[in-house]
C-alpha cells in the first residue's frame, strides 16, 4: 500500500517540489491528490495522512543516520535501514532539515566536592545564586517584589 502511494506521489511533483511555482497553488495540489487517490484506490485524506507519515519518518531516519555517523567505537551500532529509505531519497533536494535549538546551556559545569563526613556540597553555580540572594536581602525590600494583593 505504501509502495503504491510513494510511486503515485513521485509522479505528482507539485506535491513535494518546493521549487515549482505551482507548489503553492492549492487547486493544482488538490487535483494532484485526487489523482494520487485514484491511482492508489484510497481516499484523498488517507493518502495525505499516510504521505505525511512516510515523509516525516524519512526525515527522522535521515536525522538518525546523520547522528549515527558521528559515533565511533563502542558507541557505534549497526542499525537496520528503514525499508523505504532508499525509495524516498528522491525527496533529498526538496527537504532540508531545520536547525535545532535549545534553551539549555551547552555545558553546565557543576563541581561536586565530597567532605570528610560524606555529605556532598555543590560549588560553582550555587554560590553565585547565594551571593545574589544575600545582596538582595541586605539591600532591603524592592518596589517590584511580588504580585499585587
N, C-alpha and C. Protein backbone atom coordinates (compact mmCIF):
# COMPACT_ATOMS: atom_id res chain seq x y z
N UNK A 1 0.83 -1.18 0.00
CA UNK A 1 0.00 0.00 0.00
C UNK A 1 0.88 1.25 0.00
N UNK A 2 1.90 1.29 0.89
CA UNK A 2 2.80 2.43 0.93
C UNK A 2 3.60 2.55 -0.36
N UNK A 3 3.95 1.39 -0.95
CA UNK A 3 4.70 1.41 -2.21
C UNK A 3 3.92 2.15 -3.29
N UNK A 4 2.65 1.83 -3.41
CA UNK A 4 1.81 2.46 -4.43
C UNK A 4 1.67 3.96 -4.16
N UNK A 5 1.55 4.32 -2.91
CA UNK A 5 1.42 5.73 -2.55
C UNK A 5 2.70 6.50 -2.90
N UNK A 6 3.85 5.92 -2.61
CA UNK A 6 5.12 6.58 -2.92
C UNK A 6 5.26 6.77 -4.43
N UNK A 7 4.94 5.76 -5.19
CA UNK A 7 5.03 5.85 -6.65
C UNK A 7 4.07 6.91 -7.18
N UNK A 8 2.85 6.93 -6.65
CA UNK A 8 1.86 7.89 -7.11
C UNK A 8 2.27 9.32 -6.77
N UNK A 9 2.78 9.55 -5.57
CA UNK A 9 3.20 10.90 -5.17
C UNK A 9 4.44 11.31 -5.97
N UNK A 10 5.33 10.38 -6.23
CA UNK A 10 6.53 10.67 -7.02
C UNK A 10 6.16 11.19 -8.41
N UNK A 11 5.05 10.73 -8.95
CA UNK A 11 4.58 11.19 -10.25
C UNK A 11 3.91 12.55 -10.22
N UNK A 12 3.63 13.07 -9.03
CA UNK A 12 2.97 14.37 -8.88
C UNK A 12 3.94 15.33 -8.19
N UNK A 13 4.86 15.89 -8.94
CA UNK A 13 5.92 16.72 -8.36
C UNK A 13 5.40 17.96 -7.66
N UNK A 14 4.18 18.40 -7.99
CA UNK A 14 3.61 19.57 -7.33
C UNK A 14 3.40 19.32 -5.84
N UNK A 15 3.40 18.07 -5.41
CA UNK A 15 3.18 17.73 -4.00
C UNK A 15 4.45 17.78 -3.16
N UNK A 16 5.62 17.78 -3.78
CA UNK A 16 6.85 17.77 -2.99
C UNK A 16 7.94 18.72 -3.49
N UNK A 17 7.87 19.16 -4.73
CA UNK A 17 8.92 20.00 -5.31
C UNK A 17 8.67 21.46 -4.95
N UNK A 18 9.34 21.93 -3.94
CA UNK A 18 9.13 23.28 -3.44
C UNK A 18 9.65 24.36 -4.38
N UNK A 19 10.43 23.98 -5.39
CA UNK A 19 10.96 24.96 -6.33
C UNK A 19 9.95 25.33 -7.42
N UNK A 20 8.92 24.54 -7.57
CA UNK A 20 7.90 24.83 -8.58
C UNK A 20 7.00 25.98 -8.15
N UNK A 21 6.59 26.80 -9.11
CA UNK A 21 5.65 27.88 -8.82
C UNK A 21 4.30 27.29 -8.43
N UNK A 22 3.93 26.20 -9.05
CA UNK A 22 2.64 25.57 -8.78
C UNK A 22 2.60 24.86 -7.43
N UNK A 23 3.73 24.77 -6.73
CA UNK A 23 3.75 24.14 -5.42
C UNK A 23 2.84 24.88 -4.44
N UNK A 24 2.71 26.16 -4.62
CA UNK A 24 1.86 26.97 -3.74
C UNK A 24 0.41 27.08 -4.24
N UNK A 25 0.11 26.49 -5.35
CA UNK A 25 -1.23 26.54 -5.92
C UNK A 25 -2.08 25.43 -5.29
N UNK A 26 -3.00 25.83 -4.44
CA UNK A 26 -3.83 24.85 -3.73
C UNK A 26 -4.70 24.02 -4.67
N UNK A 27 -5.20 24.63 -5.71
CA UNK A 27 -6.07 23.91 -6.65
C UNK A 27 -5.30 22.80 -7.35
N UNK A 28 -4.09 23.12 -7.83
CA UNK A 28 -3.28 22.10 -8.50
C UNK A 28 -2.89 20.98 -7.54
N UNK A 29 -2.61 21.36 -6.30
CA UNK A 29 -2.26 20.33 -5.32
C UNK A 29 -3.46 19.44 -5.02
N UNK A 30 -4.62 20.03 -4.91
CA UNK A 30 -5.83 19.24 -4.67
C UNK A 30 -6.08 18.28 -5.83
N UNK A 31 -5.90 18.77 -7.04
CA UNK A 31 -6.07 17.91 -8.22
C UNK A 31 -5.05 16.77 -8.21
N UNK A 32 -3.83 17.08 -7.81
CA UNK A 32 -2.79 16.05 -7.74
C UNK A 32 -3.14 14.99 -6.69
N UNK A 33 -3.70 15.42 -5.55
CA UNK A 33 -4.08 14.46 -4.52
C UNK A 33 -5.23 13.58 -5.01
N UNK A 34 -6.13 14.14 -5.81
CA UNK A 34 -7.22 13.33 -6.37
C UNK A 34 -6.64 12.25 -7.28
N UNK A 35 -5.66 12.63 -8.09
CA UNK A 35 -5.02 11.65 -8.98
C UNK A 35 -4.33 10.57 -8.15
N UNK A 36 -3.63 10.97 -7.10
CA UNK A 36 -2.95 10.00 -6.23
C UNK A 36 -3.98 9.06 -5.60
N UNK A 37 -5.10 9.60 -5.16
CA UNK A 37 -6.15 8.77 -4.57
C UNK A 37 -6.70 7.76 -5.56
N UNK A 38 -6.89 8.20 -6.82
CA UNK A 38 -7.38 7.28 -7.85
C UNK A 38 -6.37 6.19 -8.16
N UNK A 39 -5.08 6.56 -8.22
CA UNK A 39 -4.04 5.57 -8.54
C UNK A 39 -3.87 4.54 -7.42
N UNK A 40 -4.04 4.98 -6.19
CA UNK A 40 -3.83 4.06 -5.07
C UNK A 40 -5.11 3.35 -4.64
N UNK A 41 -6.26 3.91 -5.02
CA UNK A 41 -7.53 3.33 -4.61
C UNK A 41 -7.90 3.67 -3.17
N UNK A 42 -7.28 4.72 -2.64
CA UNK A 42 -7.56 5.15 -1.27
C UNK A 42 -8.18 6.54 -1.29
N UNK A 43 -8.94 6.89 -0.26
CA UNK A 43 -9.47 8.26 -0.17
C UNK A 43 -8.34 9.28 -0.06
N UNK A 44 -8.59 10.49 -0.54
CA UNK A 44 -7.58 11.54 -0.57
C UNK A 44 -7.05 11.85 0.84
N UNK A 45 -7.94 11.94 1.82
CA UNK A 45 -7.48 12.29 3.17
C UNK A 45 -6.57 11.20 3.75
N UNK A 46 -6.84 9.94 3.41
CA UNK A 46 -5.98 8.85 3.87
C UNK A 46 -4.62 8.93 3.18
N UNK A 47 -4.63 9.25 1.89
CA UNK A 47 -3.37 9.41 1.14
C UNK A 47 -2.51 10.51 1.75
N UNK A 48 -3.13 11.65 2.03
CA UNK A 48 -2.39 12.77 2.61
C UNK A 48 -1.79 12.38 3.96
N UNK A 49 -2.60 11.75 4.80
CA UNK A 49 -2.13 11.37 6.13
C UNK A 49 -0.98 10.37 6.05
N UNK A 50 -1.13 9.36 5.19
CA UNK A 50 -0.07 8.35 5.04
C UNK A 50 1.20 8.97 4.45
N UNK A 51 1.04 9.88 3.49
CA UNK A 51 2.20 10.52 2.89
C UNK A 51 2.95 11.35 3.92
N UNK A 52 2.22 12.09 4.73
CA UNK A 52 2.86 12.91 5.76
C UNK A 52 3.61 12.00 6.73
N UNK A 53 3.03 10.88 7.08
CA UNK A 53 3.68 9.94 7.98
C UNK A 53 4.96 9.38 7.35
N UNK A 54 4.89 9.01 6.08
CA UNK A 54 6.07 8.48 5.38
C UNK A 54 7.17 9.54 5.28
N UNK A 55 6.80 10.76 4.91
CA UNK A 55 7.78 11.83 4.75
C UNK A 55 8.44 12.17 6.10
N UNK A 56 7.62 12.23 7.15
CA UNK A 56 8.16 12.52 8.47
C UNK A 56 9.10 11.41 8.94
N UNK A 57 8.74 10.18 8.70
CA UNK A 57 9.59 9.05 9.07
C UNK A 57 10.91 9.11 8.30
N UNK A 58 10.84 9.47 7.03
CA UNK A 58 12.05 9.59 6.22
C UNK A 58 12.98 10.64 6.81
N UNK A 59 12.42 11.76 7.23
CA UNK A 59 13.24 12.83 7.81
C UNK A 59 13.85 12.38 9.14
N UNK A 60 13.10 11.65 9.95
CA UNK A 60 13.65 11.13 11.20
C UNK A 60 14.79 10.14 10.93
N UNK A 61 14.61 9.29 9.92
CA UNK A 61 15.64 8.32 9.57
C UNK A 61 16.90 9.01 9.07
N UNK A 62 16.74 10.07 8.28
CA UNK A 62 17.90 10.84 7.80
C UNK A 62 18.63 11.47 8.97
N UNK A 63 17.88 12.03 9.90
CA UNK A 63 18.49 12.66 11.07
C UNK A 63 19.23 11.61 11.91
N UNK A 64 18.62 10.44 12.06
CA UNK A 64 19.25 9.36 12.84
C UNK A 64 20.53 8.87 12.15
N UNK A 65 20.47 8.76 10.82
CA UNK A 65 21.65 8.33 10.07
C UNK A 65 22.79 9.34 10.24
N UNK A 66 22.46 10.61 10.23
CA UNK A 66 23.46 11.65 10.41
C UNK A 66 24.08 11.56 11.80
N UNK A 67 23.27 11.33 12.82
CA UNK A 67 23.76 11.19 14.19
C UNK A 67 24.60 9.94 14.35
N UNK A 68 24.19 8.85 13.72
CA UNK A 68 24.94 7.60 13.81
C UNK A 68 26.31 7.74 13.18
N UNK A 69 26.44 8.58 12.16
CA UNK A 69 27.72 8.78 11.50
C UNK A 69 28.74 9.45 12.40
N UNK A 70 28.29 10.14 13.42
CA UNK A 70 29.19 10.83 14.35
C UNK A 70 29.78 9.88 15.39
N UNK A 71 29.17 8.76 15.59
CA UNK A 71 29.60 7.84 16.64
C UNK A 71 30.66 6.89 16.11
N UNK A 72 31.52 6.50 16.99
CA UNK A 72 32.53 5.51 16.63
C UNK A 72 32.81 4.64 17.85
N UNK A 73 33.55 3.60 17.63
CA UNK A 73 33.91 2.71 18.73
C UNK A 73 32.72 1.97 19.29
N UNK A 74 32.67 1.85 20.59
CA UNK A 74 31.61 1.08 21.22
C UNK A 74 30.27 1.79 21.17
N UNK A 75 30.27 3.13 20.95
CA UNK A 75 29.01 3.86 20.86
C UNK A 75 28.32 3.61 19.52
N UNK A 76 29.10 3.25 18.52
CA UNK A 76 28.53 3.00 17.20
C UNK A 76 27.80 1.66 17.21
N UNK A 77 26.69 1.65 16.54
CA UNK A 77 25.96 0.39 16.43
C UNK A 77 25.39 0.31 15.03
N UNK A 78 25.22 -0.90 14.56
CA UNK A 78 24.65 -1.07 13.23
C UNK A 78 23.14 -1.14 13.37
N UNK A 79 22.48 -0.32 12.63
CA UNK A 79 21.03 -0.24 12.68
C UNK A 79 20.49 -0.58 11.30
N UNK A 80 19.49 -1.41 11.28
CA UNK A 80 18.88 -1.80 10.03
C UNK A 80 18.18 -0.58 9.41
N UNK A 81 18.40 -0.39 8.12
CA UNK A 81 17.78 0.74 7.41
C UNK A 81 16.29 0.48 7.23
N UNK A 82 15.53 1.57 7.28
CA UNK A 82 14.09 1.52 7.04
C UNK A 82 13.86 1.11 5.59
N UNK A 83 12.87 0.29 5.34
CA UNK A 83 12.70 -0.28 4.01
C UNK A 83 12.38 0.74 2.93
N UNK A 84 11.83 1.91 3.28
CA UNK A 84 11.51 2.91 2.27
C UNK A 84 12.56 4.02 2.20
N UNK A 85 13.65 3.87 2.93
CA UNK A 85 14.65 4.94 2.99
C UNK A 85 15.22 5.25 1.60
N UNK A 86 15.65 4.25 0.87
CA UNK A 86 16.25 4.47 -0.45
C UNK A 86 15.21 4.96 -1.46
N UNK A 87 14.00 4.45 -1.35
CA UNK A 87 12.95 4.83 -2.30
C UNK A 87 12.59 6.32 -2.15
N UNK A 88 12.56 6.81 -0.91
CA UNK A 88 12.18 8.20 -0.67
C UNK A 88 13.34 9.17 -0.82
N UNK A 89 14.49 8.68 -1.24
CA UNK A 89 15.64 9.57 -1.41
C UNK A 89 15.41 10.60 -2.52
N UNK A 90 14.39 10.43 -3.35
CA UNK A 90 14.08 11.44 -4.36
C UNK A 90 13.66 12.76 -3.72
N UNK A 91 13.33 12.75 -2.43
CA UNK A 91 12.94 13.96 -1.72
C UNK A 91 14.14 14.81 -1.28
N UNK A 92 15.33 14.27 -1.31
CA UNK A 92 16.50 14.96 -0.78
C UNK A 92 16.69 16.39 -1.28
N UNK A 93 16.54 16.66 -2.56
CA UNK A 93 16.75 18.06 -3.00
C UNK A 93 15.67 19.02 -2.49
N UNK A 94 14.56 18.50 -2.01
CA UNK A 94 13.42 19.35 -1.67
C UNK A 94 13.17 19.49 -0.18
N UNK A 95 13.82 18.67 0.62
CA UNK A 95 13.63 18.76 2.07
C UNK A 95 14.96 19.12 2.70
N UNK A 96 14.92 20.09 3.57
CA UNK A 96 16.12 20.47 4.30
C UNK A 96 15.81 20.38 5.78
N UNK A 97 16.67 19.72 6.53
CA UNK A 97 16.42 19.62 7.97
C UNK A 97 16.53 21.00 8.62
N UNK A 98 15.68 21.24 9.58
CA UNK A 98 15.70 22.50 10.30
C UNK A 98 16.81 22.48 11.34
N UNK A 99 17.35 23.66 11.60
CA UNK A 99 18.32 23.79 12.69
C UNK A 99 17.57 23.64 14.00
N UNK A 100 18.14 22.90 14.89
CA UNK A 100 17.51 22.76 16.20
C UNK A 100 18.17 23.71 17.17
N UNK A 101 17.43 24.10 18.16
CA UNK A 101 18.00 24.96 19.18
C UNK A 101 17.50 24.49 20.54
N UNK A 102 18.18 24.95 21.55
CA UNK A 102 17.83 24.55 22.89
C UNK A 102 17.92 25.76 23.80
N UNK A 103 17.11 25.76 24.83
CA UNK A 103 17.20 26.83 25.80
C UNK A 103 18.12 26.46 26.96
N UNK A 104 18.74 25.30 26.87
CA UNK A 104 19.69 24.86 27.89
C UNK A 104 21.10 25.27 27.50
N UNK A 105 21.93 25.60 28.47
CA UNK A 105 23.31 25.95 28.14
C UNK A 105 24.04 24.73 27.59
N UNK A 106 25.06 24.98 26.78
CA UNK A 106 25.79 23.87 26.16
C UNK A 106 26.42 22.95 27.19
N UNK A 107 27.04 23.51 28.21
CA UNK A 107 27.57 22.65 29.26
C UNK A 107 27.42 23.37 30.59
N UNK A 108 26.78 22.74 31.48
CA UNK A 108 26.62 23.28 32.83
C UNK A 108 27.68 22.62 33.70
N UNK A 109 28.61 23.42 34.16
CA UNK A 109 29.70 22.87 34.95
C UNK A 109 29.35 22.98 36.43
N UNK A 110 29.18 21.86 37.04
CA UNK A 110 28.89 21.80 38.47
C UNK A 110 29.96 20.93 39.10
N UNK A 111 30.68 21.51 40.02
CA UNK A 111 31.72 20.76 40.71
C UNK A 111 31.13 20.20 42.00
N UNK A 112 31.44 18.98 42.27
CA UNK A 112 30.95 18.35 43.49
C UNK A 112 32.16 17.97 44.32
N UNK A 113 32.17 18.49 45.53
CA UNK A 113 33.24 18.16 46.45
C UNK A 113 32.66 17.31 47.57
N UNK A 114 33.33 16.26 47.92
CA UNK A 114 32.87 15.39 49.00
C UNK A 114 33.65 15.74 50.24
N UNK A 115 32.92 16.11 51.27
CA UNK A 115 33.55 16.46 52.54
C UNK A 115 33.92 15.20 53.30
N UNK A 116 34.70 15.39 54.37
CA UNK A 116 35.16 14.26 55.16
C UNK A 116 34.02 13.48 55.79
N UNK A 117 32.90 14.16 56.12
CA UNK A 117 31.80 13.45 56.76
C UNK A 117 30.89 12.73 55.76
N UNK A 118 31.21 12.83 54.45
CA UNK A 118 30.46 12.10 53.44
C UNK A 118 29.34 12.90 52.81
N UNK A 119 29.04 14.10 53.31
CA UNK A 119 27.98 14.92 52.73
C UNK A 119 28.52 15.60 51.48
N UNK A 120 27.72 15.68 50.46
CA UNK A 120 28.14 16.31 49.20
C UNK A 120 27.75 17.78 49.23
N UNK A 121 28.64 18.61 48.73
CA UNK A 121 28.39 20.05 48.68
C UNK A 121 28.67 20.51 47.26
N UNK A 122 27.76 21.25 46.69
CA UNK A 122 27.98 21.75 45.33
C UNK A 122 28.60 23.12 45.41
N UNK A 123 29.49 23.38 44.48
CA UNK A 123 30.08 24.71 44.41
C UNK A 123 30.07 25.15 42.96
N UNK A 124 30.24 26.41 42.72
CA UNK A 124 30.23 26.91 41.35
C UNK A 124 28.94 27.62 41.07
N UNK A 125 27.97 26.92 40.53
CA UNK A 125 26.72 27.52 40.12
C UNK A 125 25.93 28.04 41.30
N UNK A 126 25.83 27.28 42.38
CA UNK A 126 25.03 27.66 43.54
C UNK A 126 25.57 28.86 44.30
N UNK A 127 26.90 29.05 44.32
CA UNK A 127 27.48 30.16 45.08
C UNK A 127 27.04 31.51 44.53
N UNK A 128 26.98 31.65 43.24
CA UNK A 128 26.56 32.92 42.64
C UNK A 128 25.11 33.23 43.02
N UNK A 129 24.28 32.21 43.03
CA UNK A 129 22.88 32.40 43.41
C UNK A 129 22.76 32.83 44.86
N UNK A 130 23.54 32.20 45.75
CA UNK A 130 23.51 32.55 47.17
C UNK A 130 23.97 33.98 47.40
N UNK A 131 25.06 34.37 46.71
CA UNK A 131 25.58 35.73 46.86
C UNK A 131 24.55 36.76 46.40
N UNK A 132 23.88 36.48 45.30
CA UNK A 132 22.87 37.39 44.77
C UNK A 132 21.71 37.52 45.75
N UNK A 133 21.27 36.40 46.32
CA UNK A 133 20.17 36.42 47.27
C UNK A 133 20.54 37.20 48.53
N UNK A 134 21.79 37.01 49.01
CA UNK A 134 22.24 37.73 50.20
C UNK A 134 22.31 39.23 49.94
N UNK A 135 22.79 39.62 48.74
CA UNK A 135 22.89 41.03 48.39
C UNK A 135 21.51 41.65 48.28
N UNK A 136 20.56 40.92 47.75
CA UNK A 136 19.19 41.44 47.62
C UNK A 136 18.55 41.61 49.00
N UNK A 137 18.82 40.69 49.91
CA UNK A 137 18.25 40.78 51.25
C UNK A 137 18.85 41.97 52.01
N UNK A 138 20.14 42.21 51.81
CA UNK A 138 20.80 43.32 52.50
C UNK A 138 20.32 44.66 51.96
N UNK A 139 19.97 44.73 50.70
CA UNK A 139 19.54 45.99 50.08
C UNK A 139 18.16 46.40 50.57
N UNK A 140 17.41 45.52 51.13
CA UNK A 140 16.08 45.85 51.63
C UNK A 140 15.02 45.51 50.61
N UNK A 141 13.77 45.81 50.95
CA UNK A 141 12.68 45.45 50.04
C UNK A 141 12.73 46.29 48.77
N UNK A 142 12.35 45.68 47.69
CA UNK A 142 12.31 46.40 46.42
C UNK A 142 10.86 46.71 46.06
N UNK A 143 10.67 47.61 45.14
CA UNK A 143 9.32 48.01 44.77
C UNK A 143 8.57 46.93 44.00
N UNK A 144 9.30 46.08 43.29
CA UNK A 144 8.66 45.03 42.47
C UNK A 144 8.95 43.65 43.09
N UNK A 145 8.54 43.46 44.30
CA UNK A 145 8.85 42.19 44.97
C UNK A 145 7.82 41.11 44.77
N UNK A 146 6.70 41.40 44.19
CA UNK A 146 5.72 40.33 44.02
C UNK A 146 4.45 40.83 43.37
N UNK A 147 3.46 40.01 43.45
CA UNK A 147 2.17 40.34 42.85
C UNK A 147 1.41 41.29 43.75
N UNK A 148 0.57 42.08 43.14
CA UNK A 148 -0.28 42.97 43.91
C UNK A 148 -1.36 42.17 44.62
N UNK A 149 -1.69 42.57 45.82
CA UNK A 149 -2.67 41.80 46.58
C UNK A 149 -4.00 42.51 46.62
